């Protein structure tokens, strides 16, 4: 059974930085894609970034491109989301997700991922 556990959320001021972690277990993840999504109060869950476990190819939503960086540590089975230049509109619950993609595609839809973590709150104060 795949388990995803997020950590690293918190309260930060505008312009600050946070690094989220997603510890993955229960499977060999070499053919998986790992994604980060977020959901703000009253809004739908939205795609933030994704990375192929093998090779490290990544993809970002336009709203975070140039500010957020997704990466993975194969030895620790952990995916990170480095968030810089944070804005109030980045406030949300951030969730890690995983999906088996042997074809190498990178899904961006909420309904395209099979496994989800519980989420971690990120609050950006002005």
PDB file of N, CA and C in Angstrom:
ATOM      1  N   UNK A   1       0.843  -1.180   0.000  1.00  0.00           N
ATOM      2  CA  UNK A   1       0.000   0.000   0.000  1.00  0.00           C
ATOM      3  C   UNK A   1       0.886   1.240   0.000  1.00  0.00           C
ATOM      4  N   UNK A   2       0.604   2.143  -0.942  1.00  0.00           N
ATOM      5  CA  UNK A   2       1.378   3.382  -1.020  1.00  0.00           C
ATOM      6  C   UNK A   2       0.952   4.318   0.108  1.00  0.00           C
ATOM      7  N   UNK A   3       1.942   4.869   0.773  1.00  0.00           N
ATOM      8  CA  UNK A   3       1.692   5.880   1.800  1.00  0.00           C
ATOM      9  C   UNK A   3       2.480   7.132   1.477  1.00  0.00           C
ATOM     10  N   UNK A   4       1.821   8.269   1.599  1.00  0.00           N
ATOM     11  CA  UNK A   4       2.453   9.559   1.357  1.00  0.00           C
ATOM     12  C   UNK A   4       2.223  10.427   2.588  1.00  0.00           C
ATOM     13  N   UNK A   5       3.296  10.965   3.141  1.00  0.00           N
ATOM     14  CA  UNK A   5       3.192  11.780   4.344  1.00  0.00           C
ATOM     15  C   UNK A   5       3.890  13.110   4.096  1.00  0.00           C
ATOM     16  N   UNK A   6       3.103  14.184   4.138  1.00  0.00           N
ATOM     17  CA  UNK A   6       3.647  15.521   3.921  1.00  0.00           C
ATOM     18  C   UNK A   6       4.092  16.152   5.239  1.00  0.00           C
ATOM     19  N   UNK A   7       5.045  17.064   5.122  1.00  0.00           N
ATOM     20  CA  UNK A   7       5.476  17.857   6.271  1.00  0.00           C
ATOM     21  C   UNK A   7       6.085  19.149   5.756  1.00  0.00           C
ATOM     22  N   UNK A   8       6.278  20.100   6.680  1.00  0.00           N
ATOM     23  CA  UNK A   8       6.970  21.326   6.316  1.00  0.00           C
ATOM     24  C   UNK A   8       6.098  22.545   6.164  1.00  0.00           C
ATOM     25  N   UNK A   9       4.795  22.389   6.280  1.00  0.00           N
ATOM     26  CA  UNK A   9       3.922  23.547   6.171  1.00  0.00           C
ATOM     27  C   UNK A   9       4.054  24.463   7.369  1.00  0.00           C
ATOM     28  N   UNK A  10       3.416  25.632   7.277  1.00  0.00           N
ATOM     29  CA  UNK A  10       3.470  26.564   8.388  1.00  0.00           C
ATOM     30  C   UNK A  10       3.037  27.949   7.976  1.00  0.00           C
ATOM     31  N   UNK A  11       3.341  28.901   8.855  1.00  0.00           N
ATOM     32  CA  UNK A  11       2.996  30.306   8.630  1.00  0.00           C
ATOM     33  C   UNK A  11       4.255  31.059   8.207  1.00  0.00           C
ATOM     34  N   UNK A  12       4.148  31.813   7.135  1.00  0.00           N
ATOM     35  CA  UNK A  12       5.293  32.561   6.627  1.00  0.00           C
ATOM     36  C   UNK A  12       4.815  33.920   6.113  1.00  0.00           C
ATOM     37  N   UNK A  13       5.694  34.888   6.145  1.00  0.00           N
ATOM     38  CA  UNK A  13       5.326  36.214   5.648  1.00  0.00           C
ATOM     39  C   UNK A  13       5.481  36.292   4.133  1.00  0.00           C
ATOM     40  N   UNK A  14       4.812  37.271   3.562  1.00  0.00           N
ATOM     41  CA  UNK A  14       4.927  37.503   2.120  1.00  0.00           C
ATOM     42  C   UNK A  14       6.402  37.660   1.733  1.00  0.00           C
ATOM     43  N   UNK A  15       6.779  36.974   0.664  1.00  0.00           N
ATOM     44  CA  UNK A  15       8.159  37.025   0.198  1.00  0.00           C
ATOM     45  C   UNK A  15       9.053  35.967   0.805  1.00  0.00           C
ATOM     46  N   UNK A  16       8.540  35.254   1.806  1.00  0.00           N
ATOM     47  CA  UNK A  16       9.326  34.241   2.484  1.00  0.00           C
ATOM     48  C   UNK A  16       9.359  32.918   1.731  1.00  0.00           C
ATOM     49  N   UNK A  17       9.980  31.933   2.367  1.00  0.00           N
ATOM     50  CA  UNK A  17      10.157  30.621   1.748  1.00  0.00           C
ATOM     51  C   UNK A  17       9.751  29.509   2.698  1.00  0.00           C
ATOM     52  N   UNK A  18       9.347  28.395   2.115  1.00  0.00           N
ATOM     53  CA  UNK A  18       9.074  27.170   2.855  1.00  0.00           C
ATOM     54  C   UNK A  18       9.480  26.001   1.965  1.00  0.00           C
ATOM     55  N   UNK A  19       9.859  24.894   2.600  1.00  0.00           N
ATOM     56  CA  UNK A  19      10.121  23.679   1.848  1.00  0.00           C
ATOM     57  C   UNK A  19       9.219  22.579   2.375  1.00  0.00           C
ATOM     58  N   UNK A  20       8.384  22.058   1.506  1.00  0.00           N
ATOM     59  CA  UNK A  20       7.510  20.939   1.849  1.00  0.00           C
ATOM     60  C   UNK A  20       8.199  19.627   1.486  1.00  0.00           C
ATOM     61  N   UNK A  21       7.931  18.612   2.291  1.00  0.00           N
ATOM     62  CA  UNK A  21       8.455  17.276   2.026  1.00  0.00           C
ATOM     63  C   UNK A  21       7.313  16.288   1.913  1.00  0.00           C
ATOM     64  N   UNK A  22       7.504  15.277   1.086  1.00  0.00           N
ATOM     65  CA  UNK A  22       6.534  14.194   0.943  1.00  0.00           C
ATOM     66  C   UNK A  22       7.311  12.883   1.003  1.00  0.00           C
ATOM     67  N   UNK A  23       7.175  12.178   2.108  1.00  0.00           N
ATOM     68  CA  UNK A  23       7.848  10.890   2.270  1.00  0.00           C
ATOM     69  C   UNK A  23       6.957   9.787   1.716  1.00  0.00           C
ATOM     70  N   UNK A  24       7.477   9.037   0.761  1.00  0.00           N
ATOM     71  CA  UNK A  24       6.707   7.984   0.092  1.00  0.00           C
ATOM     72  C   UNK A  24       7.195   6.605   0.528  1.00  0.00           C
ATOM     73  N   UNK A  25       6.260   5.676   0.726  1.00  0.00           N
ATOM     74  CA  UNK A  25       6.623   4.320   1.111  1.00  0.00           C
ATOM     75  C   UNK A  25       5.620   3.331   0.544  1.00  0.00           C
ATOM     76  N   UNK A  26       6.006   2.049   0.563  1.00  0.00           N
ATOM     77  CA  UNK A  26       5.097   0.996   0.180  1.00  0.00           C
ATOM     78  C   UNK A  26       5.245   0.474  -1.233  1.00  0.00           C
ATOM     79  N   UNK A  27       6.148   1.048  -1.979  1.00  0.00           N
ATOM     80  CA  UNK A  27       6.270   0.662  -3.382  1.00  0.00           C
ATOM     81  C   UNK A  27       7.644   1.081  -3.882  1.00  0.00           C
ATOM     82  N   UNK A  28       8.072   0.474  -4.972  1.00  0.00           N
ATOM     83  CA  UNK A  28       9.224   0.992  -5.698  1.00  0.00           C
ATOM     84  C   UNK A  28       8.692   2.053  -6.647  1.00  0.00           C
ATOM     85  N   UNK A  29       9.199   3.264  -6.565  1.00  0.00           N
ATOM     86  CA  UNK A  29       8.565   4.381  -7.243  1.00  0.00           C
ATOM     87  C   UNK A  29       9.225   4.777  -8.562  1.00  0.00           C
ATOM     88  N   UNK A  30      10.070   3.959  -9.093  1.00  0.00           N
ATOM     89  CA  UNK A  30      10.834   4.361 -10.272  1.00  0.00           C
ATOM     90  C   UNK A  30       9.961   4.697 -11.474  1.00  0.00           C
ATOM     91  N   UNK A  31       8.779   4.103 -11.613  1.00  0.00           N
ATOM     92  CA  UNK A  31       7.889   4.384 -12.739  1.00  0.00           C
ATOM     93  C   UNK A  31       6.719   5.278 -12.339  1.00  0.00           C
ATOM     94  N   UNK A  32       6.881   5.958 -11.247  1.00  0.00           N
ATOM     95  CA  UNK A  32       5.817   6.822 -10.750  1.00  0.00           C
ATOM     96  C   UNK A  32       6.094   8.287 -11.084  1.00  0.00           C
ATOM     97  N   UNK A  33       5.001   9.035 -11.133  1.00  0.00           N
ATOM     98  CA  UNK A  33       5.064  10.493 -11.168  1.00  0.00           C
ATOM     99  C   UNK A  33       4.535  10.993  -9.828  1.00  0.00           C
ATOM    100  N   UNK A  34       5.232  11.956  -9.262  1.00  0.00           N
ATOM    101  CA  UNK A  34       4.823  12.552  -7.987  1.00  0.00           C
ATOM    102  C   UNK A  34       4.358  13.968  -8.250  1.00  0.00           C
ATOM    103  N   UNK A  35       3.227  14.315  -7.673  1.00  0.00           N
ATOM    104  CA  UNK A  35       2.687  15.646  -7.892  1.00  0.00           C
ATOM    105  C   UNK A  35       2.382  16.368  -6.601  1.00  0.00           C
ATOM    106  N   UNK A  36       2.355  17.687  -6.699  1.00  0.00           N
ATOM    107  CA  UNK A  36       1.886  18.531  -5.594  1.00  0.00           C
ATOM    108  C   UNK A  36       0.647  19.282  -6.082  1.00  0.00           C
ATOM    109  N   UNK A  37      -0.375  19.278  -5.253  1.00  0.00           N
ATOM    110  CA  UNK A  37      -1.600  20.010  -5.502  1.00  0.00           C
ATOM    111  C   UNK A  37      -1.884  20.897  -4.306  1.00  0.00           C
ATOM    112  N   UNK A  38      -2.758  21.869  -4.492  1.00  0.00           N
ATOM    113  CA  UNK A  38      -3.155  22.706  -3.356  1.00  0.00           C
ATOM    114  C   UNK A  38      -4.630  23.053  -3.463  1.00  0.00           C
ATOM    115  N   UNK A  39      -5.217  23.303  -2.302  1.00  0.00           N
ATOM    116  CA  UNK A  39      -6.622  23.681  -2.254  1.00  0.00           C
ATOM    117  C   UNK A  39      -6.803  24.796  -1.244  1.00  0.00           C
ATOM    118  N   UNK A  40      -7.235  25.945  -1.719  1.00  0.00           N
ATOM    119  CA  UNK A  40      -7.519  27.088  -0.867  1.00  0.00           C
ATOM    120  C   UNK A  40      -8.983  27.029  -0.430  1.00  0.00           C
ATOM    121  N   UNK A  41      -9.327  27.691   0.664  1.00  0.00           N
ATOM    122  CA  UNK A  41     -10.715  27.679   1.151  1.00  0.00           C
ATOM    123  C   UNK A  41     -11.680  28.165   0.071  1.00  0.00           C
ATOM    124  N   UNK A  42     -12.726  27.388  -0.165  1.00  0.00           N
ATOM    125  CA  UNK A  42     -13.742  27.774  -1.135  1.00  0.00           C
ATOM    126  C   UNK A  42     -13.357  27.577  -2.581  1.00  0.00           C
ATOM    127  N   UNK A  43     -12.194  26.991  -2.818  1.00  0.00           N
ATOM    128  CA  UNK A  43     -11.739  26.791  -4.196  1.00  0.00           C
ATOM    129  C   UNK A  43     -11.498  25.309  -4.464  1.00  0.00           C
ATOM    130  N   UNK A  44     -11.424  24.976  -5.746  1.00  0.00           N
ATOM    131  CA  UNK A  44     -11.141  23.604  -6.117  1.00  0.00           C
ATOM    132  C   UNK A  44      -9.647  23.320  -5.979  1.00  0.00           C
ATOM    133  N   UNK A  45      -9.358  22.040  -5.812  1.00  0.00           N
ATOM    134  CA  UNK A  45      -7.965  21.628  -5.759  1.00  0.00           C
ATOM    135  C   UNK A  45      -7.316  21.897  -7.115  1.00  0.00           C
ATOM    136  N   UNK A  46      -6.082  22.417  -7.082  1.00  0.00           N
ATOM    137  CA  UNK A  46      -5.407  22.738  -8.326  1.00  0.00           C
ATOM    138  C   UNK A  46      -3.993  22.174  -8.369  1.00  0.00           C
ATOM    139  N   UNK A  47      -3.560  21.897  -9.572  1.00  0.00           N
ATOM    140  CA  UNK A  47      -2.222  21.365  -9.805  1.00  0.00           C
ATOM    141  C   UNK A  47      -1.173  22.436  -9.522  1.00  0.00           C
ATOM    142  N   UNK A  48      -0.067  22.030  -8.906  1.00  0.00           N
ATOM    143  CA  UNK A  48       1.040  22.934  -8.622  1.00  0.00           C
ATOM    144  C   UNK A  48       2.287  22.517  -9.403  1.00  0.00           C
ATOM    145  N   UNK A  49       2.701  21.279  -9.220  1.00  0.00           N
ATOM    146  CA  UNK A  49       3.925  20.808  -9.878  1.00  0.00           C
ATOM    147  C   UNK A  49       3.963  19.288  -9.859  1.00  0.00           C
ATOM    148  N   UNK A  50       4.755  18.710 -10.759  1.00  0.00           N
ATOM    149  CA  UNK A  50       4.915  17.259 -10.798  1.00  0.00           C
ATOM    150  C   UNK A  50       6.313  16.916 -11.270  1.00  0.00           C
ATOM    151  N   UNK A  51       6.767  15.718 -10.902  1.00  0.00           N
ATOM    152  CA  UNK A  51       8.098  15.270 -11.288  1.00  0.00           C
ATOM    153  C   UNK A  51       8.088  13.773 -11.542  1.00  0.00           C
ATOM    154  N   UNK A  52       8.782  13.365 -12.589  1.00  0.00           N
ATOM    155  CA  UNK A  52       8.946  11.947 -12.869  1.00  0.00           C
ATOM    156  C   UNK A  52      10.044  11.411 -11.959  1.00  0.00           C
ATOM    157  N   UNK A  53       9.736  10.295 -11.279  1.00  0.00           N
ATOM    158  CA  UNK A  53      10.733   9.779 -10.355  1.00  0.00           C
ATOM    159  C   UNK A  53      12.003   9.368 -11.091  1.00  0.00           C
ATOM    160  N   UNK A  54      11.823   8.749 -12.242  1.00  0.00           N
ATOM    161  CA  UNK A  54      12.979   8.356 -13.042  1.00  0.00           C
ATOM    162  C   UNK A  54      13.314   9.491 -14.005  1.00  0.00           C
ATOM    163  N   UNK A  55      14.472  10.037 -13.843  1.00  0.00           N
ATOM    164  CA  UNK A  55      14.904  11.093 -14.759  1.00  0.00           C
ATOM    165  C   UNK A  55      14.713  12.497 -14.224  1.00  0.00           C
ATOM    166  N   UNK A  56      13.689  12.706 -13.413  1.00  0.00           N
ATOM    167  CA  UNK A  56      13.500  13.996 -12.773  1.00  0.00           C
ATOM    168  C   UNK A  56      12.859  15.081 -13.614  1.00  0.00           C
ATOM    169  N   UNK A  57      12.287  14.734 -14.783  1.00  0.00           N
ATOM    170  CA  UNK A  57      11.593  15.756 -15.568  1.00  0.00           C
ATOM    171  C   UNK A  57      10.452  16.332 -14.755  1.00  0.00           C
ATOM    172  N   UNK A  58      10.330  17.672 -14.793  1.00  0.00           N
ATOM    173  CA  UNK A  58       9.316  18.316 -13.969  1.00  0.00           C
ATOM    174  C   UNK A  58       8.415  19.211 -14.810  1.00  0.00           C
ATOM    175  N   UNK A  59       7.287  19.565 -14.206  1.00  0.00           N
ATOM    176  CA  UNK A  59       6.312  20.421 -14.874  1.00  0.00           C
ATOM    177  C   UNK A  59       5.655  21.287 -13.803  1.00  0.00           C
ATOM    178  N   UNK A  60       5.372  22.548 -14.143  1.00  0.00           N
ATOM    179  CA  UNK A  60       4.822  23.494 -13.171  1.00  0.00           C
ATOM    180  C   UNK A  60       3.580  24.195 -13.704  1.00  0.00           C
ATOM    181  N   UNK A  61       2.706  24.549 -12.773  1.00  0.00           N
ATOM    182  CA  UNK A  61       1.619  25.445 -13.118  1.00  0.00           C
ATOM    183  C   UNK A  61       2.196  26.834 -13.385  1.00  0.00           C
ATOM    184  N   UNK A  62       1.552  27.581 -14.272  1.00  0.00           N
ATOM    185  CA  UNK A  62       2.049  28.921 -14.603  1.00  0.00           C
ATOM    186  C   UNK A  62       2.127  29.825 -13.375  1.00  0.00           C
ATOM    187  N   UNK A  63       1.204  29.623 -12.447  1.00  0.00           N
ATOM    188  CA  UNK A  63       1.124  30.501 -11.275  1.00  0.00           C
ATOM    189  C   UNK A  63       2.321  30.367 -10.334  1.00  0.00           C
ATOM    190  N   UNK A  64       3.074  29.282 -10.449  1.00  0.00           N
ATOM    191  CA  UNK A  64       4.199  29.062  -9.532  1.00  0.00           C
ATOM    192  C   UNK A  64       5.536  28.971 -10.269  1.00  0.00           C
ATOM    193  N   UNK A  65       5.490  28.992 -11.575  1.00  0.00           N
ATOM    194  CA  UNK A  65       6.711  28.845 -12.365  1.00  0.00           C
ATOM    195  C   UNK A  65       7.694  29.955 -12.024  1.00  0.00           C
ATOM    196  N   UNK A  66       8.938  29.589 -11.775  1.00  0.00           N
ATOM    197  CA  UNK A  66       9.956  30.561 -11.410  1.00  0.00           C
ATOM    198  C   UNK A  66      10.046  30.836  -9.922  1.00  0.00           C
ATOM    199  N   UNK A  67       9.051  30.390  -9.154  1.00  0.00           N
ATOM    200  CA  UNK A  67       9.065  30.604  -7.693  1.00  0.00           C
ATOM    201  C   UNK A  67       9.176  29.290  -6.927  1.00  0.00           C
ATOM    202  N   UNK A  68       8.577  28.233  -7.464  1.00  0.00           N
ATOM    203  CA  UNK A  68       8.576  26.926  -6.802  1.00  0.00           C
ATOM    204  C   UNK A  68       9.486  25.971  -7.558  1.00  0.00           C
ATOM    205  N   UNK A  69      10.103  25.055  -6.804  1.00  0.00           N
ATOM    206  CA  UNK A  69      10.954  24.030  -7.419  1.00  0.00           C
ATOM    207  C   UNK A  69      10.620  22.676  -6.816  1.00  0.00           C
ATOM    208  N   UNK A  70      10.310  21.723  -7.666  1.00  0.00           N
ATOM    209  CA  UNK A  70      10.047  20.359  -7.208  1.00  0.00           C
ATOM    210  C   UNK A  70      11.295  19.523  -7.453  1.00  0.00           C
ATOM    211  N   UNK A  71      11.591  18.655  -6.485  1.00  0.00           N
ATOM    212  CA  UNK A  71      12.770  17.793  -6.620  1.00  0.00           C
ATOM    213  C   UNK A  71      12.515  16.487  -5.869  1.00  0.00           C
ATOM    214  N   UNK A  72      13.398  15.508  -6.097  1.00  0.00           N
ATOM    215  CA  UNK A  72      13.239  14.253  -5.359  1.00  0.00           C
ATOM    216  C   UNK A  72      14.582  13.715  -4.935  1.00  0.00           C
ATOM    217  N   UNK A  73      14.560  12.973  -3.822  1.00  0.00           N
ATOM    218  CA  UNK A  73      15.741  12.314  -3.293  1.00  0.00           C
ATOM    219  C   UNK A  73      15.466  10.820  -3.351  1.00  0.00           C
ATOM    220  N   UNK A  74      16.094  10.149  -4.296  1.00  0.00           N
ATOM    221  CA  UNK A  74      15.815   8.723  -4.494  1.00  0.00           C
ATOM    222  C   UNK A  74      16.178   7.899  -3.267  1.00  0.00           C
ATOM    223  N   UNK A  75      17.277   8.242  -2.631  1.00  0.00           N
ATOM    224  CA  UNK A  75      17.732   7.457  -1.483  1.00  0.00           C
ATOM    225  C   UNK A  75      16.762   7.549  -0.318  1.00  0.00           C
ATOM    226  N   UNK A  76      16.094   8.692  -0.186  1.00  0.00           N
ATOM    227  CA  UNK A  76      15.177   8.892   0.935  1.00  0.00           C
ATOM    228  C   UNK A  76      13.721   8.671   0.539  1.00  0.00           C
ATOM    229  N   UNK A  77      13.473   8.363  -0.746  1.00  0.00           N
ATOM    230  CA  UNK A  77      12.090   8.211  -1.231  1.00  0.00           C
ATOM    231  C   UNK A  77      11.242   9.419  -0.849  1.00  0.00           C
ATOM    232  N   UNK A  78      11.805  10.581  -1.040  1.00  0.00           N
ATOM    233  CA  UNK A  78      11.138  11.812  -0.620  1.00  0.00           C
ATOM    234  C   UNK A  78      11.119  12.812  -1.771  1.00  0.00           C
ATOM    235  N   UNK A  79       9.984  13.476  -1.913  1.00  0.00           N
ATOM    236  CA  UNK A  79       9.823  14.538  -2.900  1.00  0.00           C
ATOM    237  C   UNK A  79       9.682  15.862  -2.146  1.00  0.00           C
ATOM    238  N   UNK A  80      10.283  16.895  -2.685  1.00  0.00           N
ATOM    239  CA  UNK A  80      10.276  18.202  -2.040  1.00  0.00           C
ATOM    240  C   UNK A  80       9.594  19.239  -2.935  1.00  0.00           C
ATOM    241  N   UNK A  81       9.049  20.255  -2.284  1.00  0.00           N
ATOM    242  CA  UNK A  81       8.564  21.422  -2.996  1.00  0.00           C
ATOM    243  C   UNK A  81       9.142  22.639  -2.302  1.00  0.00           C
ATOM    244  N   UNK A  82      10.143  23.242  -2.930  1.00  0.00           N
ATOM    245  CA  UNK A  82      10.743  24.468  -2.420  1.00  0.00           C
ATOM    246  C   UNK A  82       9.914  25.635  -2.925  1.00  0.00           C
ATOM    247  N   UNK A  83       9.392  26.423  -1.995  1.00  0.00           N
ATOM    248  CA  UNK A  83       8.514  27.535  -2.346  1.00  0.00           C
ATOM    249  C   UNK A  83       9.174  28.836  -1.927  1.00  0.00           C
ATOM    250  N   UNK A  84       9.491  29.676  -2.886  1.00  0.00           N
ATOM    251  CA  UNK A  84      10.124  30.973  -2.633  1.00  0.00           C
ATOM    252  C   UNK A  84       9.210  32.102  -3.095  1.00  0.00           C
ATOM    253  N   UNK A  85       9.523  33.297  -2.635  1.00  0.00           N
ATOM    254  CA  UNK A  85       8.741  34.488  -3.013  1.00  0.00           C
ATOM    255  C   UNK A  85       7.253  34.242  -2.832  1.00  0.00           C
ATOM    256  N   UNK A  86       6.896  33.739  -1.666  1.00  0.00           N
ATOM    257  CA  UNK A  86       5.514  33.359  -1.418  1.00  0.00           C
ATOM    258  C   UNK A  86       4.590  34.567  -1.381  1.00  0.00           C
ATOM    259  N   UNK A  87       3.371  34.335  -1.872  1.00  0.00           N
ATOM    260  CA  UNK A  87       2.361  35.375  -1.946  1.00  0.00           C
ATOM    261  C   UNK A  87       1.142  34.941  -1.134  1.00  0.00           C
ATOM    262  N   UNK A  88       0.291  35.881  -0.728  1.00  0.00           N
ATOM    263  CA  UNK A  88      -0.921  35.504   0.021  1.00  0.00           C
ATOM    264  C   UNK A  88      -1.784  34.494  -0.736  1.00  0.00           C
ATOM    265  N   UNK A  89      -1.804  34.588  -2.041  1.00  0.00           N
ATOM    266  CA  UNK A  89      -2.623  33.659  -2.827  1.00  0.00           C
ATOM    267  C   UNK A  89      -2.051  32.249  -2.878  1.00  0.00           C
ATOM    268  N   UNK A  90      -0.878  32.040  -2.314  1.00  0.00           N
ATOM    269  CA  UNK A  90      -0.327  30.690  -2.198  1.00  0.00           C
ATOM    270  C   UNK A  90      -0.870  29.969  -0.959  1.00  0.00           C
ATOM    271  N   UNK A  91      -1.609  30.686  -0.127  1.00  0.00           N
ATOM    272  CA  UNK A  91      -2.190  30.077   1.065  1.00  0.00           C
ATOM    273  C   UNK A  91      -3.150  28.966   0.675  1.00  0.00           C
ATOM    274  N   UNK A  92      -2.912  27.769   1.213  1.00  0.00           N
ATOM    275  CA  UNK A  92      -3.729  26.601   0.851  1.00  0.00           C
ATOM    276  C   UNK A  92      -3.250  25.394   1.654  1.00  0.00           C
ATOM    277  N   UNK A  93      -4.030  24.326   1.560  1.00  0.00           N
ATOM    278  CA  UNK A  93      -3.551  23.019   2.009  1.00  0.00           C
ATOM    279  C   UNK A  93      -2.852  22.363   0.819  1.00  0.00           C
ATOM    280  N   UNK A  94      -1.615  21.972   1.027  1.00  0.00           N
ATOM    281  CA  UNK A  94      -0.810  21.366  -0.041  1.00  0.00           C
ATOM    282  C   UNK A  94      -0.768  19.857   0.157  1.00  0.00           C
ATOM    283  N   UNK A  95      -1.092  19.143  -0.913  1.00  0.00           N
ATOM    284  CA  UNK A  95      -1.120  17.682  -0.861  1.00  0.00           C
ATOM    285  C   UNK A  95      -0.150  17.094  -1.872  1.00  0.00           C
ATOM    286  N   UNK A  96       0.449  16.015  -1.466  1.00  0.00           N
ATOM    287  CA  UNK A  96       1.321  15.229  -2.328  1.00  0.00           C
ATOM    288  C   UNK A  96       0.493  14.102  -2.949  1.00  0.00           C
ATOM    289  N   UNK A  97       0.797  13.747  -4.198  1.00  0.00           N
ATOM    290  CA  UNK A  97       0.070  12.676  -4.880  1.00  0.00           C
ATOM    291  C   UNK A  97       1.037  11.837  -5.704  1.00  0.00           C
ATOM    292  N   UNK A  98       0.643  10.591  -5.981  1.00  0.00           N
ATOM    293  CA  UNK A  98       1.486   9.680  -6.766  1.00  0.00           C
ATOM    294  C   UNK A  98       0.634   8.907  -7.756  1.00  0.00           C
ATOM    295  N   UNK A  99       1.221   8.623  -8.906  1.00  0.00           N
ATOM    296  CA  UNK A  99       0.523   7.830  -9.908  1.00  0.00           C
ATOM    297  C   UNK A  99       1.539   7.032 -10.712  1.00  0.00           C
ATOM    298  N   UNK A 100       1.191   5.803 -11.030  1.00  0.00           N
ATOM    299  CA  UNK A 100       2.065   4.922 -11.787  1.00  0.00           C
ATOM    300  C   UNK A 100       1.971   5.259 -13.265  1.00  0.00           C
ATOM    301  N   UNK A 101       3.099   5.650 -13.854  1.00  0.00           N
ATOM    302  CA  UNK A 101       3.113   6.111 -15.238  1.00  0.00           C
ATOM    303  C   UNK A 101       4.297   5.492 -15.975  1.00  0.00           C
ATOM    304  N   UNK A 102       4.191   4.227 -16.335  1.00  0.00           N
ATOM    305  CA  UNK A 102       5.306   3.596 -17.045  1.00  0.00           C
ATOM    306  C   UNK A 102       5.538   4.176 -18.434  1.00  0.00           C
ATOM    307  N   UNK A 103       4.511   4.917 -18.971  1.00  0.00           N
ATOM    308  CA  UNK A 103       4.672   5.515 -20.298  1.00  0.00           C
ATOM    309  C   UNK A 103       5.418   6.839 -20.255  1.00  0.00           C
ATOM    310  N   UNK A 104       5.729   7.319 -19.060  1.00  0.00           N
ATOM    311  CA  UNK A 104       6.497   8.542 -18.937  1.00  0.00           C
ATOM    312  C   UNK A 104       5.693   9.819 -18.996  1.00  0.00           C
ATOM    313  N   UNK A 105       4.372   9.721 -19.072  1.00  0.00           N
ATOM    314  CA  UNK A 105       3.547  10.923 -19.114  1.00  0.00           C
ATOM    315  C   UNK A 105       3.498  11.581 -17.748  1.00  0.00           C
ATOM    316  N   UNK A 106       3.166  12.856 -17.728  1.00  0.00           N
ATOM    317  CA  UNK A 106       3.088  13.609 -16.469  1.00  0.00           C
ATOM    318  C   UNK A 106       1.667  14.145 -16.329  1.00  0.00           C
ATOM    319  N   UNK A 107       0.846  13.500 -15.529  1.00  0.00           N
ATOM    320  CA  UNK A 107      -0.544  13.958 -15.372  1.00  0.00           C
ATOM    321  C   UNK A 107      -0.615  15.238 -14.560  1.00  0.00           C
ATOM    322  N   UNK A 108      -1.656  16.037 -14.860  1.00  0.00           N
ATOM    323  CA  UNK A 108      -1.851  17.286 -14.138  1.00  0.00           C
ATOM    324  C   UNK A 108      -3.250  17.414 -13.553  1.00  0.00           C
ATOM    325  N   UNK A 109      -4.093  16.464 -13.825  1.00  0.00           N
ATOM    326  CA  UNK A 109      -5.450  16.519 -13.309  1.00  0.00           C
ATOM    327  C   UNK A 109      -5.588  15.842 -11.966  1.00  0.00           C
ATOM    328  N   UNK A 110      -6.468  16.398 -11.144  1.00  0.00           N
ATOM    329  CA  UNK A 110      -6.717  15.835  -9.826  1.00  0.00           C
ATOM    330  C   UNK A 110      -7.152  14.378  -9.915  1.00  0.00           C
ATOM    331  N   UNK A 111      -7.968  14.048 -10.901  1.00  0.00           N
ATOM    332  CA  UNK A 111      -8.504  12.687 -11.013  1.00  0.00           C
ATOM    333  C   UNK A 111      -7.551  11.726 -11.713  1.00  0.00           C
ATOM    334  N   UNK A 112      -6.339  12.176 -11.969  1.00  0.00           N
ATOM    335  CA  UNK A 112      -5.366  11.323 -12.651  1.00  0.00           C
ATOM    336  C   UNK A 112      -4.364  10.686 -11.700  1.00  0.00           C
ATOM    337  N   UNK A 113      -4.468  10.994 -10.429  1.00  0.00           N
ATOM    338  CA  UNK A 113      -3.556  10.443  -9.438  1.00  0.00           C
ATOM    339  C   UNK A 113      -4.303   9.464  -8.530  1.00  0.00           C
ATOM    340  N   UNK A 114      -3.682   8.329  -8.272  1.00  0.00           N
ATOM    341  CA  UNK A 114      -4.320   7.285  -7.474  1.00  0.00           C
ATOM    342  C   UNK A 114      -4.076   7.413  -5.979  1.00  0.00           C
ATOM    343  N   UNK A 115      -2.952   7.986  -5.594  1.00  0.00           N
ATOM    344  CA  UNK A 115      -2.570   7.998  -4.181  1.00  0.00           C
ATOM    345  C   UNK A 115      -2.363   9.431  -3.708  1.00  0.00           C
ATOM    346  N   UNK A 116      -2.840   9.693  -2.476  1.00  0.00           N
ATOM    347  CA  UNK A 116      -2.795  11.043  -1.932  1.00  0.00           C
ATOM    348  C   UNK A 116      -2.345  11.025  -0.480  1.00  0.00           C
ATOM    349  N   UNK A 117      -1.644  12.076  -0.097  1.00  0.00           N
ATOM    350  CA  UNK A 117      -1.337  12.290   1.304  1.00  0.00           C
ATOM    351  C   UNK A 117      -2.444  13.089   1.964  1.00  0.00           C
ATOM    352  N   UNK A 118      -2.253  13.357   3.259  1.00  0.00           N
ATOM    353  CA  UNK A 118      -3.291  14.055   4.029  1.00  0.00           C
ATOM    354  C   UNK A 118      -3.225  15.571   3.847  1.00  0.00           C
ATOM    355  N   UNK A 119      -2.081  16.064   3.481  1.00  0.00           N
ATOM    356  CA  UNK A 119      -1.942  17.497   3.260  1.00  0.00           C
ATOM    357  C   UNK A 119      -1.270  18.224   4.406  1.00  0.00           C
ATOM    358  N   UNK A 120      -0.725  19.387   4.076  1.00  0.00           N
ATOM    359  CA  UNK A 120      -0.103  20.248   5.079  1.00  0.00           C
ATOM    360  C   UNK A 120      -0.482  21.692   4.771  1.00  0.00           C
ATOM    361  N   UNK A 121      -0.799  22.443   5.822  1.00  0.00           N
ATOM    362  CA  UNK A 121      -1.293  23.814   5.659  1.00  0.00           C
ATOM    363  C   UNK A 121      -0.129  24.784   5.440  1.00  0.00           C
ATOM    364  N   UNK A 122      -0.284  25.621   4.441  1.00  0.00           N
ATOM    365  CA  UNK A 122       0.652  26.723   4.202  1.00  0.00           C
ATOM    366  C   UNK A 122      -0.142  28.022   4.259  1.00  0.00           C
ATOM    367  N   UNK A 123       0.295  28.928   5.120  1.00  0.00           N
ATOM    368  CA  UNK A 123      -0.376  30.210   5.272  1.00  0.00           C
ATOM    369  C   UNK A 123       0.640  31.324   5.049  1.00  0.00           C
ATOM    370  N   UNK A 124       0.337  32.202   4.099  1.00  0.00           N
ATOM    371  CA  UNK A 124       1.221  33.320   3.789  1.00  0.00           C
ATOM    372  C   UNK A 124       0.533  34.591   4.263  1.00  0.00           C
ATOM    373  N   UNK A 125       1.142  35.255   5.216  1.00  0.00           N
ATOM    374  CA  UNK A 125       0.522  36.441   5.806  1.00  0.00           C
ATOM    375  C   UNK A 125       1.124  37.703   5.228  1.00  0.00           C
ATOM    376  N   UNK A 126       0.261  38.711   5.099  1.00  0.00           N
ATOM    377  CA  UNK A 126       0.716  40.006   4.598  1.00  0.00           C
ATOM    378  C   UNK A 126       0.796  40.996   5.747  1.00  0.00           C
TER     379      UNK A 126
END
